[in-house]
Amino acid sequence: MEDTFSNLETYGYIGLFIYSLGGGFIALIGAGVLSYMGKMDISTAIAIAFIANALGDVLLFYMARYQKTMLMEGLRKHRRKLALAHVMMKKNGSWIILIQKFVYGIKTLIPIAIGLTKYDFKKFAILNVASSAVWALVFGLGSYYSGSLLVKFAETISDKPWIAPIILVVFGGALWLYMEKATKKKK
């Protein structure tokens, strides 16, 4: 176990950066709990997650705006989800840039959908940076201050490992059902 903590202290910030490029709330929660345990620094973890998250969305926006053909080949089977992202963007306006940070499953699609429109890059970048800051502070500080509860939860799962697959199936199933319903073709 000490080897694991040693590796996290050594490589945890690098992993947090890479994972936060595409979302990263699980890694940020992990960093918050490790900070609570004294294995990482919460300020550094929040700063790294914030920078990577903002950078990741800007890169997705850029790819959608200037590398459409390459990007669209990879998104061919996700056309309905991309259409859902466009609908959400029209319905929620600029607020969707903040909302998407907190909704698993649409995190990478919204910047792509926005990049495919004529949305102003400067406006997107400013709102994205502000949204990334809110996201990093909410998840980083939230997990840090909930550290004792999350550690107890992890201990319960390690004592009763059969609970973890149930939680994953319920969470994954709920997400899948939501995405199926939201992207279902209406007749």
C-alpha atoms as a PDB file:
ATOM      1  CA  MET A   1       0.000   0.000   0.000  1.00  0.00           C
ATOM      2  CA  GLU A   2       2.865   2.366   0.771  1.00  0.00           C
ATOM      3  CA  ASP A   3       4.227   1.740  -2.757  1.00  0.00           C
ATOM      4  CA  THR A   4       0.913   2.886  -4.178  1.00  0.00           C
ATOM      5  CA  PHE A   5       0.960   6.094  -2.140  1.00  0.00           C
ATOM      6  CA  SER A   6       4.594   6.681  -3.075  1.00  0.00           C
ATOM      7  CA  ASN A   7       3.735   6.309  -6.775  1.00  0.00           C
ATOM      8  CA  LEU A   8       0.758   8.637  -6.384  1.00  0.00           C
ATOM      9  CA  GLU A   9       2.936  11.234  -4.705  1.00  0.00           C
ATOM     10  CA  THR A  10       5.455  10.919  -7.543  1.00  0.00           C
ATOM     11  CA  TYR A  11       3.171  10.571 -10.570  1.00  0.00           C
ATOM     12  CA  GLY A  12      -0.221  11.685  -9.237  1.00  0.00           C
ATOM     13  CA  TYR A  13      -0.012  15.226 -10.546  1.00  0.00           C
ATOM     14  CA  ILE A  14       0.967  14.003 -14.022  1.00  0.00           C
ATOM     15  CA  GLY A  15      -1.960  11.568 -14.042  1.00  0.00           C
ATOM     16  CA  LEU A  16      -4.285  14.290 -12.789  1.00  0.00           C
ATOM     17  CA  PHE A  17      -3.184  16.602 -15.607  1.00  0.00           C
ATOM     18  CA  ILE A  18      -3.626  13.979 -18.330  1.00  0.00           C
ATOM     19  CA  TYR A  19      -6.978  12.764 -17.016  1.00  0.00           C
ATOM     20  CA  SER A  20      -8.274  16.318 -16.543  1.00  0.00           C
ATOM     21  CA  LEU A  21      -7.693  17.124 -20.207  1.00  0.00           C
ATOM     22  CA  GLY A  22     -10.799  15.085 -21.002  1.00  0.00           C
ATOM     23  CA  GLY A  23     -12.869  15.566 -17.858  1.00  0.00           C
ATOM     24  CA  GLY A  24     -11.067  14.390 -14.797  1.00  0.00           C
ATOM     25  CA  PHE A  25     -13.577  14.750 -12.005  1.00  0.00           C
ATOM     26  CA  ILE A  26     -12.748  11.279 -10.654  1.00  0.00           C
ATOM     27  CA  ALA A  27      -9.034  12.072 -10.642  1.00  0.00           C
ATOM     28  CA  LEU A  28      -9.716  15.411  -8.954  1.00  0.00           C
ATOM     29  CA  ILE A  29     -11.846  13.721  -6.308  1.00  0.00           C
ATOM     30  CA  GLY A  30      -9.014  11.230  -5.774  1.00  0.00           C
ATOM     31  CA  ALA A  31      -6.506  14.074  -5.476  1.00  0.00           C
ATOM     32  CA  GLY A  32      -8.782  15.819  -2.971  1.00  0.00           C
ATOM     33  CA  VAL A  33      -8.978  12.699  -0.821  1.00  0.00           C
ATOM     34  CA  LEU A  34      -5.214  12.149  -1.088  1.00  0.00           C
ATOM     35  CA  SER A  35      -4.722  15.777  -0.075  1.00  0.00           C
ATOM     36  CA  TYR A  36      -6.960  15.183   2.914  1.00  0.00           C
ATOM     37  CA  MET A  37      -4.717  12.221   3.796  1.00  0.00           C
ATOM     38  CA  GLY A  38      -1.606  14.403   3.463  1.00  0.00           C
ATOM     39  CA  LYS A  39      -0.275  12.646   0.342  1.00  0.00           C
ATOM     40  CA  MET A  40      -0.825  15.512  -2.131  1.00  0.00           C
ATOM     41  CA  ASP A  41      -1.244  19.290  -1.965  1.00  0.00           C
ATOM     42  CA  ILE A  42      -4.828  20.411  -2.599  1.00  0.00           C
ATOM     43  CA  SER A  43      -3.850  23.826  -4.031  1.00  0.00           C
ATOM     44  CA  THR A  44      -1.491  22.252  -6.555  1.00  0.00           C
ATOM     45  CA  ALA A  45      -4.036  19.566  -7.459  1.00  0.00           C
ATOM     46  CA  ILE A  46      -6.799  22.132  -8.049  1.00  0.00           C
ATOM     47  CA  ALA A  47      -4.490  24.332 -10.130  1.00  0.00           C
ATOM     48  CA  ILE A  48      -3.340  21.407 -12.289  1.00  0.00           C
ATOM     49  CA  ALA A  49      -6.886  20.121 -12.822  1.00  0.00           C
ATOM     50  CA  PHE A  50      -8.113  23.635 -13.655  1.00  0.00           C
ATOM     51  CA  ILE A  51      -5.381  24.267 -16.244  1.00  0.00           C
ATOM     52  CA  ALA A  52      -5.740  20.847 -17.866  1.00  0.00           C
ATOM     53  CA  ASN A  53      -9.536  20.997 -17.977  1.00  0.00           C
ATOM     54  CA  ALA A  54      -9.565  24.456 -19.555  1.00  0.00           C
ATOM     55  CA  LEU A  55      -6.863  23.448 -22.029  1.00  0.00           C
ATOM     56  CA  GLY A  56      -8.655  20.210 -22.956  1.00  0.00           C
ATOM     57  CA  ASP A  57     -11.883  21.991 -23.871  1.00  0.00           C
ATOM     58  CA  VAL A  58     -10.041  24.642 -25.864  1.00  0.00           C
ATOM     59  CA  LEU A  59      -8.266  21.876 -27.799  1.00  0.00           C
ATOM     60  CA  LEU A  60     -11.593  20.159 -28.529  1.00  0.00           C
ATOM     61  CA  PHE A  61     -13.070  23.479 -29.683  1.00  0.00           C
ATOM     62  CA  TYR A  62     -10.040  24.089 -31.907  1.00  0.00           C
ATOM     63  CA  MET A  63     -10.191  20.585 -33.395  1.00  0.00           C
ATOM     64  CA  ALA A  64     -13.882  20.986 -34.185  1.00  0.00           C
ATOM     65  CA  ARG A  65     -13.384  24.422 -35.700  1.00  0.00           C
ATOM     66  CA  TYR A  66     -10.233  23.800 -37.763  1.00  0.00           C
ATOM     67  CA  GLN A  67      -9.892  20.018 -38.127  1.00  0.00           C
ATOM     68  CA  LYS A  68     -13.506  19.098 -38.872  1.00  0.00           C
ATOM     69  CA  THR A  69     -12.894  16.307 -41.346  1.00  0.00           C
ATOM     70  CA  MET A  70     -10.479  14.449 -39.098  1.00  0.00           C
ATOM     71  CA  LEU A  71     -12.673  14.894 -36.046  1.00  0.00           C
ATOM     72  CA  MET A  72     -15.963  14.001 -37.725  1.00  0.00           C
ATOM     73  CA  GLU A  73     -14.612  10.628 -38.892  1.00  0.00           C
ATOM     74  CA  GLY A  74     -14.136   9.641 -35.266  1.00  0.00           C
ATOM     75  CA  LEU A  75     -17.522  11.018 -34.211  1.00  0.00           C
ATOM     76  CA  ARG A  76     -19.545   9.303 -36.924  1.00  0.00           C
ATOM     77  CA  LYS A  77     -21.251   6.886 -34.514  1.00  0.00           C
ATOM     78  CA  HIS A  78     -21.935   9.668 -31.997  1.00  0.00           C
ATOM     79  CA  ARG A  79     -23.986  11.876 -34.324  1.00  0.00           C
ATOM     80  CA  ARG A  80     -27.119  11.676 -32.168  1.00  0.00           C
ATOM     81  CA  LYS A  81     -25.191  12.637 -29.049  1.00  0.00           C
ATOM     82  CA  LEU A  82     -23.627  15.516 -30.971  1.00  0.00           C
ATOM     83  CA  ALA A  83     -27.119  16.590 -32.057  1.00  0.00           C
ATOM     84  CA  LEU A  84     -28.197  16.419 -28.402  1.00  0.00           C
ATOM     85  CA  ALA A  85     -25.272  18.671 -27.524  1.00  0.00           C
ATOM     86  CA  HIS A  86     -26.429  21.198 -30.161  1.00  0.00           C
ATOM     87  CA  VAL A  87     -29.983  21.110 -28.766  1.00  0.00           C
ATOM     88  CA  MET A  88     -28.683  21.608 -25.224  1.00  0.00           C
ATOM     89  CA  MET A  89     -26.553  24.505 -26.441  1.00  0.00           C
ATOM     90  CA  LYS A  90     -29.520  26.215 -28.081  1.00  0.00           C
ATOM     91  CA  LYS A  91     -31.723  25.580 -25.054  1.00  0.00           C
ATOM     92  CA  ASN A  92     -29.231  26.702 -22.382  1.00  0.00           C
ATOM     93  CA  GLY A  93     -27.126  29.214 -24.299  1.00  0.00           C
ATOM     94  CA  SER A  94     -23.731  30.075 -22.866  1.00  0.00           C
ATOM     95  CA  TRP A  95     -24.651  28.398 -19.557  1.00  0.00           C
ATOM     96  CA  ILE A  96     -24.040  25.046 -21.216  1.00  0.00           C
ATOM     97  CA  ILE A  97     -20.292  25.721 -21.003  1.00  0.00           C
ATOM     98  CA  LEU A  98     -20.581  25.639 -17.199  1.00  0.00           C
ATOM     99  CA  ILE A  99     -23.223  22.903 -17.047  1.00  0.00           C
ATOM    100  CA  GLN A 100     -21.231  20.491 -19.223  1.00  0.00           C
ATOM    101  CA  LYS A 101     -18.367  20.435 -16.720  1.00  0.00           C
ATOM    102  CA  PHE A 102     -20.641  18.690 -14.220  1.00  0.00           C
ATOM    103  CA  VAL A 103     -22.518  16.242 -16.489  1.00  0.00           C
ATOM    104  CA  TYR A 104     -20.689  13.033 -17.254  1.00  0.00           C
ATOM    105  CA  GLY A 105     -21.216  11.842 -20.808  1.00  0.00           C
ATOM    106  CA  ILE A 106     -21.475  15.229 -22.523  1.00  0.00           C
ATOM    107  CA  LYS A 107     -18.235  16.760 -21.260  1.00  0.00           C
ATOM    108  CA  THR A 108     -16.315  16.214 -24.490  1.00  0.00           C
ATOM    109  CA  LEU A 109     -19.239  16.687 -26.860  1.00  0.00           C
ATOM    110  CA  ILE A 110     -20.232  20.235 -25.896  1.00  0.00           C
ATOM    111  CA  PRO A 111     -16.903  21.917 -26.817  1.00  0.00           C
ATOM    112  CA  ILE A 112     -16.975  20.002 -30.106  1.00  0.00           C
ATOM    113  CA  ALA A 113     -20.570  21.058 -30.785  1.00  0.00           C
ATOM    114  CA  ILE A 114     -19.726  24.672 -29.970  1.00  0.00           C
ATOM    115  CA  GLY A 115     -16.627  24.523 -32.170  1.00  0.00           C
ATOM    116  CA  LEU A 116     -18.766  23.382 -35.107  1.00  0.00           C
ATOM    117  CA  THR A 117     -20.896  26.524 -34.828  1.00  0.00           C
ATOM    118  CA  LYS A 118     -19.940  30.175 -35.359  1.00  0.00           C
ATOM    119  CA  TYR A 119     -19.658  30.764 -31.614  1.00  0.00           C
ATOM    120  CA  ASP A 120     -16.967  33.352 -30.848  1.00  0.00           C
ATOM    121  CA  PHE A 121     -13.712  31.732 -29.712  1.00  0.00           C
ATOM    122  CA  LYS A 122     -12.813  34.523 -27.263  1.00  0.00           C
ATOM    123  CA  LYS A 123     -16.199  34.297 -25.577  1.00  0.00           C
ATOM    124  CA  PHE A 124     -15.873  30.507 -25.376  1.00  0.00           C
ATOM    125  CA  ALA A 125     -12.347  30.737 -23.961  1.00  0.00           C
ATOM    126  CA  ILE A 126     -13.345  33.226 -21.239  1.00  0.00           C
ATOM    127  CA  LEU A 127     -16.439  31.261 -20.213  1.00  0.00           C
ATOM    128  CA  ASN A 128     -14.492  28.007 -20.374  1.00  0.00           C
ATOM    129  CA  VAL A 129     -11.726  29.302 -18.085  1.00  0.00           C
ATOM    130  CA  ALA A 130     -14.292  30.597 -15.570  1.00  0.00           C
ATOM    131  CA  SER A 131     -16.236  27.324 -15.739  1.00  0.00           C
ATOM    132  CA  SER A 132     -13.065  25.264 -15.307  1.00  0.00           C
ATOM    133  CA  ALA A 133     -12.190  27.291 -12.211  1.00  0.00           C
ATOM    134  CA  VAL A 134     -15.642  26.694 -10.704  1.00  0.00           C
ATOM    135  CA  TRP A 135     -15.448  22.986 -11.586  1.00  0.00           C
ATOM    136  CA  ALA A 136     -11.965  22.549 -10.082  1.00  0.00           C
ATOM    137  CA  LEU A 137     -12.889  24.378  -6.881  1.00  0.00           C
ATOM    138  CA  VAL A 138     -16.178  22.512  -6.402  1.00  0.00           C
ATOM    139  CA  PHE A 139     -14.756  19.022  -6.929  1.00  0.00           C
ATOM    140  CA  GLY A 140     -11.333  19.703  -5.418  1.00  0.00           C
ATOM    141  CA  LEU A 141     -12.475  21.404  -2.230  1.00  0.00           C
ATOM    142  CA  GLY A 142     -15.597  19.263  -2.006  1.00  0.00           C
ATOM    143  CA  SER A 143     -13.581  16.042  -2.012  1.00  0.00           C
ATOM    144  CA  TYR A 144     -10.959  17.516   0.316  1.00  0.00           C
ATOM    145  CA  TYR A 145     -13.528  18.516   2.930  1.00  0.00           C
ATOM    146  CA  SER A 146     -15.434  15.239   2.435  1.00  0.00           C
ATOM    147  CA  GLY A 147     -12.200  13.261   2.727  1.00  0.00           C
ATOM    148  CA  SER A 148     -13.074  11.398   5.928  1.00  0.00           C
ATOM    149  CA  LEU A 149     -16.446  10.310   4.515  1.00  0.00           C
ATOM    150  CA  LEU A 150     -14.889   9.195   1.216  1.00  0.00           C
ATOM    151  CA  VAL A 151     -12.117   7.289   3.030  1.00  0.00           C
ATOM    152  CA  LYS A 152     -14.739   5.463   5.134  1.00  0.00           C
ATOM    153  CA  PHE A 153     -16.676   4.677   1.948  1.00  0.00           C
ATOM    154  CA  ALA A 154     -13.517   3.266   0.329  1.00  0.00           C
ATOM    155  CA  GLU A 155     -12.840   1.159   3.424  1.00  0.00           C
ATOM    156  CA  THR A 156     -16.395  -0.200   3.307  1.00  0.00           C
ATOM    157  CA  ILE A 157     -15.949  -1.153  -0.329  1.00  0.00           C
ATOM    158  CA  SER A 158     -12.622  -2.844   0.391  1.00  0.00           C
ATOM    159  CA  ASP A 159     -14.260  -4.796   3.248  1.00  0.00           C
ATOM    160  CA  LYS A 160     -17.271  -5.721   1.081  1.00  0.00           C
ATOM    161  CA  PRO A 161     -16.003  -5.782  -2.523  1.00  0.00           C
ATOM    162  CA  TRP A 162     -19.313  -7.008  -3.902  1.00  0.00           C
ATOM    163  CA  ILE A 163     -20.739  -3.498  -3.414  1.00  0.00           C
ATOM    164  CA  ALA A 164     -18.479  -1.885  -6.060  1.00  0.00           C
ATOM    165  CA  PRO A 165     -19.870  -3.762  -9.102  1.00  0.00           C
ATOM    166  CA  ILE A 166     -23.415  -3.019  -7.984  1.00  0.00           C
ATOM    167  CA  ILE A 167     -22.658   0.698  -7.735  1.00  0.00           C
ATOM    168  CA  LEU A 168     -20.937   0.683 -11.138  1.00  0.00           C
ATOM    169  CA  VAL A 169     -23.789  -1.207 -12.818  1.00  0.00           C
ATOM    170  CA  VAL A 170     -26.433   1.117 -11.323  1.00  0.00           C
ATOM    171  CA  PHE A 171     -24.489   4.282 -12.210  1.00  0.00           C
ATOM    172  CA  GLY A 172     -23.505   3.032 -15.679  1.00  0.00           C
ATOM    173  CA  GLY A 173     -27.035   1.796 -16.377  1.00  0.00           C
ATOM    174  CA  ALA A 174     -28.594   5.078 -15.331  1.00  0.00           C
ATOM    175  CA  LEU A 175     -26.174   7.015 -17.531  1.00  0.00           C
ATOM    176  CA  TRP A 176     -26.785   4.688 -20.473  1.00  0.00           C
ATOM    177  CA  LEU A 177     -30.580   4.957 -20.087  1.00  0.00           C
ATOM    178  CA  TYR A 178     -30.377   8.749 -19.921  1.00  0.00           C
ATOM    179  CA  MET A 179     -28.216   8.959 -23.041  1.00  0.00           C
ATOM    180  CA  GLU A 180     -30.455   6.489 -24.906  1.00  0.00           C
ATOM    181  CA  LYS A 181     -33.580   8.440 -24.010  1.00  0.00           C
ATOM    182  CA  ALA A 182     -32.019  11.828 -24.748  1.00  0.00           C
ATOM    183  CA  THR A 183     -30.647  10.779 -28.135  1.00  0.00           C
ATOM    184  CA  LYS A 184     -33.558   8.579 -29.236  1.00  0.00           C
ATOM    185  CA  LYS A 185     -34.945   9.398 -32.646  1.00  0.00           C
ATOM    186  CA  LYS A 186     -38.398  10.926 -32.321  1.00  0.00           C
ATOM    187  CA  LYS A 187     -41.009   9.812 -34.818  1.00  0.00           C
END
